[in-house]
């Protein structure tokens, strides 16, 4: 089927036929059924415009004034905290200064307890090296002239170091009894007896179980140059004779642990130009970091200086200790008493 239009013929498709059946025409609708007014057509309004935004004028002065109260509050809080820190620092400084002064006075007092003049009786001469690890020392020594023919030496090392150990050494020094006096005269106590009484005095104080000390006490007869000594848990003194170094060993327990302990004595016959070194264990840990080699190293240093005069030996040894690693923070107190037989 074809349809004429514009002088041209085009074929009529089935869709055209269906559309023709459903196409509304005004002629087919009766007049009485037509609407009295035309049907309103939809009006396209276009995209919806957003409401116009209102911007306030930028005023930095107003913003600064608004934040000024907050900033001022924070500044006041910081100022208050700074004042508290300053007062705390001043308080700490005051207490540290007072503690420093007290420790210095304690160190001076401990130095007053040490012999001011070393006894030189006959051929027996003493030389000492005393180096606390802090203000005060847990080591203490004493050199005493017992009578016209006997001179004694005593070295004690309390556990630890610092003020508690120093206080313990003060008590031990006061509790040391070297001779008994009576109406008939006096009697020098044997070193083993002196150590036994000292141990009993410590035990009687009922001190803490962790409080103890080591000590060595000896007597030299200046007429015969016979040495007698006893130790309580202390390193054995060293006798240097020419190229030989001999340990003078005497067995004894720690002081202040158990009562009624027994102490043995050791004797040695001294000779001219002998040197006896009585020391605390701080000397064994003062050389280097290798614990296993420390004891041997300090003995080697002592042996290397055997030809030096006594005073020069201790000065040179002290200078060498200052050059060792960790000398500014020593591990332990150090005491060395050298007995020289002229």
Protein backbone atom coordinates (compact mmCIF):
# COMPACT_ATOMS: atom_id res chain seq x y z
CA UNK A 1 0.00 0.00 0.00
CA UNK A 2 1.26 3.46 -0.91
CA UNK A 3 0.34 7.01 0.07
CA UNK A 4 0.68 10.12 -1.96
CA UNK A 5 2.26 13.11 -0.38
CA UNK A 6 4.06 16.07 -1.85
CA UNK A 7 3.86 14.51 -5.32
CA UNK A 8 5.68 11.50 -4.08
CA UNK A 9 4.53 8.06 -3.20
CA UNK A 10 5.85 6.26 -0.14
CA UNK A 11 4.86 2.88 1.13
CA UNK A 12 2.52 2.71 4.13
CA UNK A 13 3.93 0.63 6.91
CA UNK A 14 1.85 -1.27 9.49
CA UNK A 15 2.90 1.31 12.13
CA UNK A 16 1.36 4.06 10.09
CA UNK A 17 -1.89 2.17 9.97
CA UNK A 18 -1.94 1.69 13.75
CA UNK A 19 -1.08 5.34 14.37
CA UNK A 20 -3.90 6.42 12.11
CA UNK A 21 -6.40 4.46 14.13
CA UNK A 22 -5.32 6.09 17.44
CA UNK A 23 -4.64 9.64 16.27
CA UNK A 24 -7.21 11.93 17.94
CA UNK A 25 -9.11 14.30 15.72
CA UNK A 26 -11.36 17.17 16.75
CA UNK A 27 -13.85 16.28 14.12
CA UNK A 28 -14.57 12.94 15.72
CA UNK A 29 -15.45 14.47 19.10
CA UNK A 30 -18.93 15.94 19.45
CA UNK A 31 -19.12 19.62 20.20
CA UNK A 32 -21.00 19.11 23.45
CA UNK A 33 -18.23 16.90 24.81
CA UNK A 34 -15.41 19.30 24.07
CA UNK A 35 -13.89 21.12 27.06
CA UNK A 36 -14.97 24.72 27.52
CA UNK A 37 -11.40 25.88 28.03
CA UNK A 38 -8.22 24.63 26.53
CA UNK A 39 -6.19 22.06 28.47
CA UNK A 40 -3.32 23.83 30.28
CA UNK A 41 0.00 22.90 28.87
CA UNK A 42 2.97 22.30 31.19
CA UNK A 43 5.36 25.21 31.43
CA UNK A 44 9.05 24.46 31.55
CA UNK A 45 10.66 26.60 34.26
CA UNK A 46 14.26 25.60 33.64
CA UNK A 47 16.81 24.67 36.32
CA UNK A 48 16.20 25.76 39.90
CA UNK A 49 18.53 28.58 40.84
CA UNK A 50 20.03 28.31 44.38
CA UNK A 51 19.15 31.10 46.74
CA UNK A 52 21.57 33.95 46.72
CA UNK A 53 24.26 33.53 49.46
CA UNK A 54 24.97 36.38 51.81
CA UNK A 55 28.63 36.99 52.68
CA UNK A 56 29.71 39.04 55.68
CA UNK A 57 32.51 41.50 55.11
CA UNK A 58 36.02 40.22 56.26
CA UNK A 59 37.22 42.15 59.31
CA UNK A 60 40.55 40.92 60.85
CA UNK A 61 40.25 43.28 63.79
CA UNK A 62 36.94 41.76 64.83
CA UNK A 63 38.33 38.24 64.51
CA UNK A 64 41.40 39.15 66.64
CA UNK A 65 39.18 40.71 69.28
CA UNK A 66 36.99 37.60 69.35
CA UNK A 67 40.04 35.33 69.90
CA UNK A 68 41.84 37.65 72.29
CA UNK A 69 40.03 36.29 75.33
CA UNK A 70 40.98 32.69 74.51
CA UNK A 71 44.62 33.55 73.83
CA UNK A 72 44.87 35.60 77.00
CA UNK A 73 43.50 32.69 79.04
CA UNK A 74 46.08 30.33 77.58
CA UNK A 75 48.87 32.82 78.30
CA UNK A 76 47.72 33.18 81.90
CA UNK A 77 47.69 29.38 82.32
CA UNK A 78 51.22 29.09 80.88
CA UNK A 79 52.45 31.88 83.13
CA UNK A 80 50.98 30.13 86.18
CA UNK A 81 52.59 26.82 85.19
CA UNK A 82 55.94 28.56 84.62
CA UNK A 83 55.81 30.13 88.07
CA UNK A 84 55.08 26.73 89.61
CA UNK A 85 58.03 25.18 87.79
CA UNK A 86 60.31 28.00 88.95
CA UNK A 87 59.26 27.56 92.56
CA UNK A 88 59.77 23.80 92.26
CA UNK A 89 63.24 24.30 90.79
CA UNK A 90 64.15 26.72 93.55
CA UNK A 91 62.99 24.23 96.17
CA UNK A 92 64.96 21.40 94.56
CA UNK A 93 68.00 23.64 94.29
CA UNK A 94 67.74 24.50 97.97
CA UNK A 95 67.49 20.87 99.08
CA UNK A 96 70.27 19.77 96.71
CA UNK A 97 72.54 22.52 98.04
CA UNK A 98 71.79 21.52 101.62
CA UNK A 99 72.38 17.84 100.83
CA UNK A 100 75.64 18.70 99.08
CA UNK A 101 76.78 20.71 102.10
CA UNK A 102 75.86 17.90 104.51
CA UNK A 103 77.73 15.32 102.42
CA UNK A 104 80.79 17.56 102.27
CA UNK A 105 80.72 17.95 106.04
CA UNK A 106 80.34 14.18 106.42
CA UNK A 107 83.32 13.62 104.12
CA UNK A 108 85.38 16.09 106.15
CA UNK A 109 84.36 14.35 109.36
CA UNK A 110 85.33 10.97 107.95
CA UNK A 111 88.70 12.38 106.92
CA UNK A 112 89.17 13.55 110.52
CA UNK A 113 88.75 9.96 111.68
CA UNK A 114 91.67 8.90 109.51
CA UNK A 115 95.18 9.10 110.97
CA UNK A 116 96.57 12.58 110.50
CA UNK A 117 100.15 11.45 111.10
CA UNK A 118 101.25 8.06 109.90
CA UNK A 119 103.23 6.28 112.61
CA UNK A 120 106.85 5.59 111.70
CA UNK A 121 108.27 3.29 114.35
CA UNK A 122 111.82 2.05 113.85
CA UNK A 123 112.24 0.60 110.35
CA UNK A 124 108.47 0.28 109.85
CA UNK A 125 106.99 3.07 107.72
CA UNK A 126 103.41 3.46 106.44
CA UNK A 127 102.02 4.96 103.21
CA UNK A 128 98.35 5.16 102.23
CA UNK A 129 96.08 5.70 99.22
CA UNK A 130 92.44 6.49 99.99
CA UNK A 131 89.92 7.13 97.16
CA UNK A 132 86.20 7.20 98.02
CA UNK A 133 83.75 6.44 95.22
CA UNK A 134 81.58 9.39 96.35
CA UNK A 135 81.61 12.02 99.06
CA UNK A 136 82.10 9.46 101.81
CA UNK A 137 83.60 6.00 101.73
CA UNK A 138 82.57 2.57 102.89
CA UNK A 139 86.27 1.90 103.49
CA UNK A 140 88.20 2.99 106.54
CA UNK A 141 91.71 2.38 107.78
CA UNK A 142 93.58 3.06 110.98
CA UNK A 143 97.26 2.95 111.89
CA UNK A 144 98.13 2.90 115.57
CA UNK A 145 101.15 2.77 117.77
CA UNK A 146 100.22 0.14 120.35
CA UNK A 147 103.30 0.52 122.57
CA UNK A 148 107.01 1.14 122.29
CA UNK A 149 107.62 -2.02 120.28
CA UNK A 150 104.39 -2.76 118.43
CA UNK A 151 102.47 -0.99 115.71
CA UNK A 152 99.10 -2.06 114.35
CA UNK A 153 97.15 -1.52 111.13
CA UNK A 154 93.46 -2.00 110.40
CA UNK A 155 91.44 -1.84 107.15
CA UNK A 156 87.66 -2.35 107.02
CA UNK A 157 85.32 -2.45 104.02
CA UNK A 158 81.59 -2.18 104.75
CA UNK A 159 79.11 -3.61 102.25
CA UNK A 160 78.21 -1.07 99.57
CA UNK A 161 79.39 2.50 99.59
CA UNK A 162 78.02 5.93 100.38
CA UNK A 163 76.50 7.19 103.62
CA UNK A 164 75.11 3.89 105.02
CA UNK A 165 78.46 2.14 104.57
CA UNK A 166 80.33 5.13 105.99
CA UNK A 167 78.16 5.11 109.12
CA UNK A 168 78.87 1.42 109.59
CA UNK A 169 82.62 2.00 109.36
CA UNK A 170 82.35 4.66 112.06
CA UNK A 171 80.76 2.16 114.40
CA UNK A 172 83.34 -0.50 113.56
CA UNK A 173 86.18 1.89 114.30
CA UNK A 174 84.74 2.67 117.73
CA UNK A 175 84.14 -1.03 118.43
CA UNK A 176 87.72 -2.05 117.57
CA UNK A 177 89.59 -3.18 120.71
CA UNK A 178 93.32 -3.77 120.34
CA UNK A 179 94.46 -4.05 123.97
CA UNK A 180 93.13 -4.41 127.48
CA UNK A 181 94.24 -2.29 130.39
CA UNK A 182 94.19 -3.21 134.05
CA UNK A 183 95.73 -2.05 137.31
CA UNK A 184 98.74 -4.19 136.55
CA UNK A 185 99.28 -2.68 133.09
CA UNK A 186 98.01 -3.62 129.67
CA UNK A 187 97.81 -6.63 127.40
CA UNK A 188 97.89 -6.55 123.61
CA UNK A 189 95.14 -8.65 122.09
CA UNK A 190 96.01 -11.13 119.42
CA UNK A 191 94.60 -10.17 115.99
CA UNK A 192 92.29 -13.20 116.01
CA UNK A 193 90.87 -12.14 119.40
CA UNK A 194 90.38 -8.58 118.19
CA UNK A 195 88.46 -9.79 115.15
CA UNK A 196 86.31 -12.12 117.25
CA UNK A 197 85.30 -9.29 119.59
CA UNK A 198 84.61 -6.98 116.67
CA UNK A 199 82.34 -9.56 115.07
CA UNK A 200 80.41 -10.05 118.32
CA UNK A 201 79.94 -6.29 118.68
CA UNK A 202 78.42 -6.10 115.20
CA UNK A 203 76.10 -9.06 115.77
CA UNK A 204 74.87 -7.61 119.08
CA UNK A 205 73.58 -4.52 117.26
CA UNK A 206 70.92 -6.63 115.49
CA UNK A 207 71.56 -4.88 112.22
CA UNK A 208 69.94 -5.84 108.93
CA UNK A 209 70.88 -9.25 107.59
CA UNK A 210 72.29 -7.53 104.49
CA UNK A 211 74.69 -5.44 106.59
CA UNK A 212 78.16 -6.88 106.96
CA UNK A 213 81.80 -5.94 106.53
CA UNK A 214 85.20 -7.36 105.77
CA UNK A 215 88.33 -6.40 107.68
CA UNK A 216 91.97 -7.19 108.29
CA UNK A 217 93.94 -6.39 111.44
CA UNK A 218 97.65 -6.94 111.94
CA UNK A 219 100.46 -6.26 114.41
CA UNK A 220 104.15 -5.78 113.65
CA UNK A 221 106.85 -6.17 116.28
CA UNK A 222 109.41 -3.56 115.28
CA UNK A 223 112.18 -5.37 117.18
CA UNK A 224 111.85 -8.72 115.42
CA UNK A 225 109.86 -7.56 112.34
CA UNK A 226 107.39 -10.36 112.93
CA UNK A 227 103.98 -9.82 111.33
CA UNK A 228 100.80 -11.34 112.80
CA UNK A 229 97.42 -10.71 111.20
CA UNK A 230 93.85 -11.98 110.98
CA UNK A 231 91.20 -11.36 108.32
CA UNK A 232 87.43 -11.55 108.13
CA UNK A 233 86.32 -12.14 104.56
CA UNK A 234 88.92 -9.63 103.37
CA UNK A 235 91.41 -9.95 100.47
CA UNK A 236 94.71 -11.41 101.62
CA UNK A 237 97.54 -8.86 101.97
CA UNK A 238 100.40 -9.10 99.49
CA UNK A 239 104.03 -9.24 100.53
CA UNK A 240 106.40 -7.97 97.87
CA UNK A 241 109.97 -9.12 98.30
CA UNK A 242 112.23 -8.32 95.38
CA UNK A 243 110.74 -10.02 92.32
CA UNK A 244 108.41 -12.20 94.41
CA UNK A 245 104.83 -11.49 95.47
CA UNK A 246 103.47 -13.64 98.31
CA UNK A 247 99.95 -13.76 99.74
CA UNK A 248 99.72 -13.71 103.53
CA UNK A 249 96.59 -15.81 103.98
CA UNK A 250 94.47 -16.09 107.12
CA UNK A 251 90.97 -17.53 107.12
CA UNK A 252 88.02 -15.78 108.69
CA UNK A 253 84.28 -15.23 108.03
CA UNK A 254 82.46 -12.01 107.22
CA UNK A 255 81.87 -9.67 110.14
CA UNK A 256 78.37 -9.14 111.48
CA UNK A 257 76.68 -12.32 110.21
CA UNK A 258 77.00 -14.99 112.92
CA UNK A 259 78.16 -14.81 116.51
CA UNK A 260 80.86 -16.96 118.10
CA UNK A 261 82.86 -17.20 114.90
CA UNK A 262 86.51 -18.28 115.03
CA UNK A 263 89.33 -16.51 113.22
CA UNK A 264 92.74 -17.90 112.37
CA UNK A 265 96.00 -16.01 112.36
CA UNK A 266 98.85 -15.88 109.87
CA UNK A 267 102.44 -14.91 110.64
CA UNK A 268 105.28 -13.80 108.39
CA UNK A 269 108.84 -12.73 109.04
CA UNK A 270 109.48 -9.40 107.40
CA UNK A 271 112.85 -8.37 106.07
CA UNK A 272 114.44 -5.06 105.15
CA UNK A 273 113.15 -3.60 101.87
CA UNK A 274 109.98 -5.71 102.08
CA UNK A 275 106.68 -4.09 101.18
CA UNK A 276 103.35 -5.27 102.51
CA UNK A 277 100.20 -4.15 100.67
CA UNK A 278 96.90 -4.22 102.57
CA UNK A 279 93.98 -3.20 100.36
CA UNK A 280 90.22 -3.29 99.87
CA UNK A 281 88.54 -5.05 96.97
CA UNK A 282 87.89 -1.72 95.27
CA UNK A 283 91.44 -1.94 93.96
CA UNK A 284 90.65 -5.18 92.15
CA UNK A 285 87.81 -3.60 90.12
CA UNK A 286 89.56 -0.30 89.36
CA UNK A 287 91.54 -1.53 86.36
CA UNK A 288 89.61 -2.01 83.11
CA UNK A 289 86.26 -3.62 82.36
CA UNK A 290 87.35 -7.28 82.17
CA UNK A 291 86.41 -8.64 85.59
CA UNK A 292 88.39 -11.84 85.10
CA UNK A 293 91.61 -9.94 84.34
CA UNK A 294 91.24 -7.07 86.83
CA UNK A 295 92.94 -8.76 89.79
CA UNK A 296 95.86 -9.90 87.70
CA UNK A 297 96.17 -6.52 86.01
CA UNK A 298 96.51 -4.49 89.17
CA UNK A 299 99.11 -6.91 90.48
CA UNK A 300 101.03 -6.44 87.25
CA UNK A 301 100.85 -2.67 87.68
CA UNK A 302 102.10 -3.05 91.25
CA UNK A 303 104.92 -5.33 90.15
CA UNK A 304 105.96 -2.94 87.35
CA UNK A 305 106.48 -0.18 89.95
CA UNK A 306 108.42 -2.28 92.45
CA UNK A 307 111.64 -0.28 91.94
CA UNK A 308 110.00 3.11 92.57
CA UNK A 309 110.25 4.78 95.98
CA UNK A 310 107.20 4.20 98.17
CA UNK A 311 105.81 7.72 97.82
CA UNK A 312 106.42 7.75 94.08
CA UNK A 313 104.81 4.34 93.68
CA UNK A 314 101.50 5.46 95.19
CA UNK A 315 101.50 8.75 93.27
CA UNK A 316 102.18 7.00 89.98
CA UNK A 317 99.55 4.35 90.75
CA UNK A 318 96.99 7.04 91.54
CA UNK A 319 97.74 8.86 88.28
CA UNK A 320 97.35 5.59 86.40
CA UNK A 321 93.94 5.03 88.02
CA UNK A 322 92.85 8.48 86.86
CA UNK A 323 93.58 7.46 83.28
CA UNK A 324 91.59 4.24 83.47
CA UNK A 325 88.17 4.01 81.79
CA UNK A 326 85.38 4.86 84.21
CA UNK A 327 87.64 6.68 86.67
CA UNK A 328 85.13 9.55 86.93
CA UNK A 329 82.51 7.09 88.18
CA UNK A 330 84.42 4.47 90.19
CA UNK A 331 82.65 1.23 90.95
CA UNK A 332 83.78 0.99 94.56
CA UNK A 333 85.78 2.71 97.26
CA UNK A 334 89.50 2.09 97.16
CA UNK A 335 91.95 1.85 100.04
CA UNK A 336 95.61 0.83 99.95
CA UNK A 337 97.94 0.73 102.96
CA UNK A 338 101.58 0.01 102.21
CA UNK A 339 103.94 -1.08 104.98
CA UNK A 340 107.54 -0.45 104.07
CA UNK A 341 110.47 -1.95 105.93
CA UNK A 342 113.35 0.51 105.60
